[in-house]
Structure formats: C-alpha cells, structure tokens
Amino acid sequence: MLALIAAAVLAPQAAYAPTGPVIEVVMANNGSFEITTDPKRSPKTVAHITKLVKDGFYDSQRVHRVESWVTQWGAPASKTKPMSDPDVLGGGSGKQMPFEKADVDFTRGVVGIASTGLQVGGDSQIFILKQDTLRLYGSYAVLGKVTKGMDVVGRIQKGDRIAKMSMKKP
C-alpha cells in the first residue's frame, strides 16, 4: 500500500496543456506570441482577461517588469508615464478578481495573474514565467500557457510596448 502511495506522489505530473481560446500578443518591435487560456481551471480569470483584451485595455501598454525568471505587464499607467515613475508598476482595470486556485505546476511558459501571492485574486496584471518557478504553486491564479513564441517572450525588455492584444479566431 505504501508503495502505491509513494508511486502516486512521485509520479511526474502530465505536461500542462490548456485548450481554451487563444490570445495573440503583438509586440511593437519584437514579434508576437500566443497564450492558450484555461477556462476549465480558471473560468472567472479567463473571462475577465479576455474581456479586457477585447476592450483594448492592453493595447499600447509597456512591459514594466522583466527579470531572469518572469516578464510582467498590465498596468495602464505604463501607456503614458515614464518607466521611472513608481506608478507604472501598480494599478489595474479596477476590478479585483476572486482567487481561483489551479492545480498547475508553475513551469516555463505558464501565464498567471499577478497579485500579492497570498491566494487573493488579481486584476489585470499578467506574468509569464521564463523558467520553472515551482514555489508559486497554489498562490497565484493561472490564465494559461504560452503555446507559440516563447522565444519572443525571452527577448522582451523592460519598457517594450505591446502594440495589440487580441483574441485569435479559432
């Protein structure tokens, strides 16, 4: 019996492969990438973000955080304020989402919703993991995964502008 339990605990988790609607992100100077959303695990989060995408909320925003392990955007002040302004880092659409815990390993390419990380919902700020960051498991809501163009994500620099985000037609 213990051997069966140990095998179940140690068995590798299947690769994360969401199957929802696809968001295309076109960078102003750096190509494009696609995020496949996961409405099965995070229905409210996906509905909120896809509405923002359709409303043009992210168009012309700049990426305000780039580190070796993560890239993040979604602060509306980044459209007009200098990147040195502390207000560029915060803010959102004004609608706090409920936290949706997703049973997903936070590996390279996973797209989540920025928050305090204390199992509280976020708003509009999106992050993409550029490397496995398993310590985030269970603390952040998941939007989906980059399924095309991770090389573009790897080239994004702080201050790069998002030309347009749109829902890709199936």
Protein backbone atom coordinates (compact mmCIF):
# COMPACT_ATOMS: atom_id res chain seq x y z
CA MET A 1 0.00 0.00 0.00
CA LEU A 2 2.79 2.44 0.89
CA ALA A 3 4.48 1.64 -2.41
CA LEU A 4 1.32 2.62 -4.31
CA ILE A 5 1.01 5.89 -2.41
CA ALA A 6 4.69 6.70 -2.96
CA ALA A 7 4.38 5.94 -6.67
CA ALA A 8 1.38 8.25 -6.98
CA VAL A 9 3.14 11.07 -5.14
CA LEU A 10 6.39 10.70 -7.09
CA ALA A 11 4.79 10.17 -10.50
CA PRO A 12 5.50 13.08 -12.85
CA GLN A 13 2.56 15.34 -13.50
CA ALA A 14 1.33 15.44 -17.08
CA ALA A 15 2.51 18.43 -19.08
CA TYR A 16 0.21 21.41 -18.70
CA ALA A 17 -1.71 21.90 -21.95
CA PRO A 18 -4.71 24.25 -21.71
CA THR A 19 -7.24 24.14 -24.55
CA GLY A 20 -9.22 27.40 -24.28
CA PRO A 21 -9.41 30.46 -26.52
CA VAL A 22 -6.09 31.88 -27.73
CA ILE A 23 -4.85 35.41 -27.06
CA GLU A 24 -2.36 36.83 -29.55
CA VAL A 25 0.10 39.38 -28.18
CA VAL A 26 1.81 41.54 -30.81
CA MET A 27 4.84 43.46 -29.57
CA ALA A 28 5.60 46.82 -31.19
CA ASN A 29 9.18 45.87 -32.03
CA ASN A 30 9.70 42.24 -31.23
CA GLY A 31 7.31 39.82 -32.95
CA SER A 32 4.29 38.10 -31.42
CA PHE A 33 3.35 35.19 -29.19
CA GLU A 34 0.21 33.28 -28.26
CA ILE A 35 -1.34 32.41 -24.91
CA THR A 36 -3.76 29.48 -24.81
CA THR A 37 -6.17 30.18 -21.97
CA ASP A 38 -7.51 27.70 -19.43
CA PRO A 39 -11.21 28.42 -18.73
CA LYS A 40 -11.66 24.95 -17.19
CA ARG A 41 -9.31 25.72 -14.31
CA SER A 42 -9.83 29.49 -14.08
CA PRO A 43 -13.16 30.46 -15.67
CA LYS A 44 -13.58 33.85 -13.96
CA THR A 45 -9.97 34.83 -14.56
CA VAL A 46 -10.11 33.90 -18.25
CA ALA A 47 -13.45 35.70 -18.71
CA HIS A 48 -12.08 38.86 -17.07
CA ILE A 49 -8.82 38.94 -19.03
CA THR A 50 -10.40 38.09 -22.38
CA LYS A 51 -12.91 40.92 -21.85
CA LEU A 52 -10.03 43.32 -21.19
CA VAL A 53 -8.30 42.06 -24.34
CA LYS A 54 -11.45 42.58 -26.44
CA ASP A 55 -11.89 46.07 -24.95
CA GLY A 56 -8.32 47.04 -25.98
CA PHE A 57 -7.20 47.52 -22.37
CA TYR A 58 -3.67 46.16 -23.02
CA ASP A 59 -3.06 47.89 -26.35
CA SER A 60 -0.07 50.31 -26.14
CA GLN A 61 0.86 49.27 -22.59
CA ARG A 62 4.53 48.73 -21.82
CA VAL A 63 6.10 45.77 -20.08
CA HIS A 64 7.07 47.03 -16.63
CA ARG A 65 8.87 44.02 -15.17
CA VAL A 66 11.50 41.80 -16.74
CA GLU A 67 13.68 39.53 -14.65
CA SER A 68 15.54 36.33 -15.46
CA TRP A 69 12.52 34.25 -14.45
CA VAL A 70 9.49 36.45 -15.26
CA THR A 71 8.02 39.09 -17.61
CA GLN A 72 5.01 41.17 -16.49
CA TRP A 73 2.62 43.84 -17.80
CA GLY A 74 -0.93 45.07 -17.26
CA ALA A 75 -0.55 48.45 -15.53
CA PRO A 76 -2.48 51.08 -17.50
CA ALA A 77 -0.21 53.91 -16.30
CA SER A 78 2.57 52.36 -18.41
CA LYS A 79 0.88 53.80 -21.53
CA THR A 80 1.71 57.40 -20.62
CA LYS A 81 4.04 57.65 -17.63
CA PRO A 82 7.82 57.30 -17.79
CA MET A 83 9.13 53.86 -16.82
CA SER A 84 10.98 55.53 -13.91
CA ASP A 85 7.65 56.61 -12.35
CA PRO A 86 6.70 54.24 -9.48
CA ASP A 87 3.03 54.41 -10.56
CA VAL A 88 3.93 52.43 -13.69
CA LEU A 89 4.26 49.30 -11.55
CA GLY A 90 0.82 49.32 -9.99
CA GLY A 91 -2.78 49.70 -10.82
CA GLY A 92 -5.12 47.77 -13.00
CA SER A 93 -8.56 47.83 -14.52
CA GLY A 94 -10.18 48.43 -11.14
CA LYS A 95 -11.87 45.04 -10.89
CA GLN A 96 -10.39 42.64 -8.35
CA MET A 97 -11.00 39.01 -9.31
CA PRO A 98 -11.67 36.18 -6.85
CA PHE A 99 -8.76 33.80 -6.38
CA GLU A 100 -9.00 30.64 -8.47
CA LYS A 101 -6.53 28.01 -7.37
CA ALA A 102 -5.36 25.90 -10.29
CA ASP A 103 -3.62 22.57 -9.84
CA VAL A 104 -0.79 23.52 -12.21
CA ASP A 105 2.96 23.39 -11.79
CA PHE A 106 4.39 26.85 -12.40
CA THR A 107 6.81 25.90 -15.14
CA ARG A 108 8.33 27.81 -18.06
CA GLY A 109 5.61 29.35 -20.24
CA VAL A 110 2.84 29.35 -17.63
CA VAL A 111 0.89 32.62 -17.61
CA GLY A 112 -0.51 33.82 -14.30
CA ILE A 113 -2.24 36.79 -12.76
CA ALA A 114 -0.06 38.98 -10.56
CA SER A 115 -1.26 39.59 -7.02
CA THR A 116 0.18 39.63 -3.54
CA GLY A 117 0.70 35.89 -3.85
CA LEU A 118 -1.39 35.18 -0.78
CA GLN A 119 -4.20 33.34 -2.57
CA VAL A 120 -6.02 36.55 -3.37
CA GLY A 121 -7.35 37.40 -6.78
CA GLY A 122 -5.54 39.80 -9.05
CA ASP A 123 -6.85 42.21 -11.63
CA SER A 124 -5.21 42.93 -14.97
CA GLN A 125 -1.51 42.34 -14.43
CA ILE A 126 -0.25 39.28 -16.28
CA PHE A 127 3.05 37.47 -15.84
CA ILE A 128 4.80 34.84 -17.93
CA LEU A 129 7.34 32.51 -16.40
CA LYS A 130 10.60 32.28 -18.33
CA GLN A 131 11.81 29.42 -16.16
CA ASP A 132 10.28 26.87 -13.81
CA THR A 133 9.24 28.60 -10.58
CA LEU A 134 7.57 25.87 -8.55
CA ARG A 135 7.48 27.99 -5.39
CA LEU A 136 4.49 29.84 -6.92
CA TYR A 137 2.30 26.71 -6.90
CA GLY A 138 -1.06 27.30 -5.25
CA SER A 139 -0.53 31.02 -4.64
CA TYR A 140 -1.49 32.59 -7.97
CA ALA A 141 -4.37 32.25 -10.43
CA VAL A 142 -3.46 30.82 -13.84
CA LEU A 143 -4.56 32.33 -17.15
CA GLY A 144 -2.99 29.66 -19.35
CA LYS A 145 0.28 28.99 -21.13
CA VAL A 146 2.38 30.45 -23.93
CA THR A 147 1.92 27.93 -26.73
CA LYS A 148 3.69 29.80 -29.51
CA GLY A 149 6.51 32.34 -29.47
CA MET A 150 8.31 31.71 -26.18
CA ASP A 151 11.45 32.90 -27.99
CA VAL A 152 9.76 36.30 -28.41
CA VAL A 153 8.95 36.39 -24.67
CA GLY A 154 12.63 35.73 -23.98
CA ARG A 155 13.64 38.84 -26.00
CA ILE A 156 11.21 41.27 -24.31
CA GLN A 157 12.89 44.12 -22.44
CA LYS A 158 11.52 46.40 -19.73
CA GLY A 159 9.71 49.26 -21.46
CA ASP A 160 8.85 47.34 -24.64
CA ARG A 161 5.41 48.25 -25.88
CA ILE A 162 2.55 45.86 -26.60
CA ALA A 163 1.12 47.00 -29.93
CA LYS A 164 -2.04 44.92 -29.63
CA MET A 165 -3.57 42.01 -27.80
CA SER A 166 -6.47 40.25 -29.49
CA MET A 167 -8.46 37.05 -29.43
CA LYS A 168 -7.29 34.76 -32.19
CA LYS A 169 -10.05 33.32 -34.30
CA PRO A 170 -10.37 29.52 -33.95
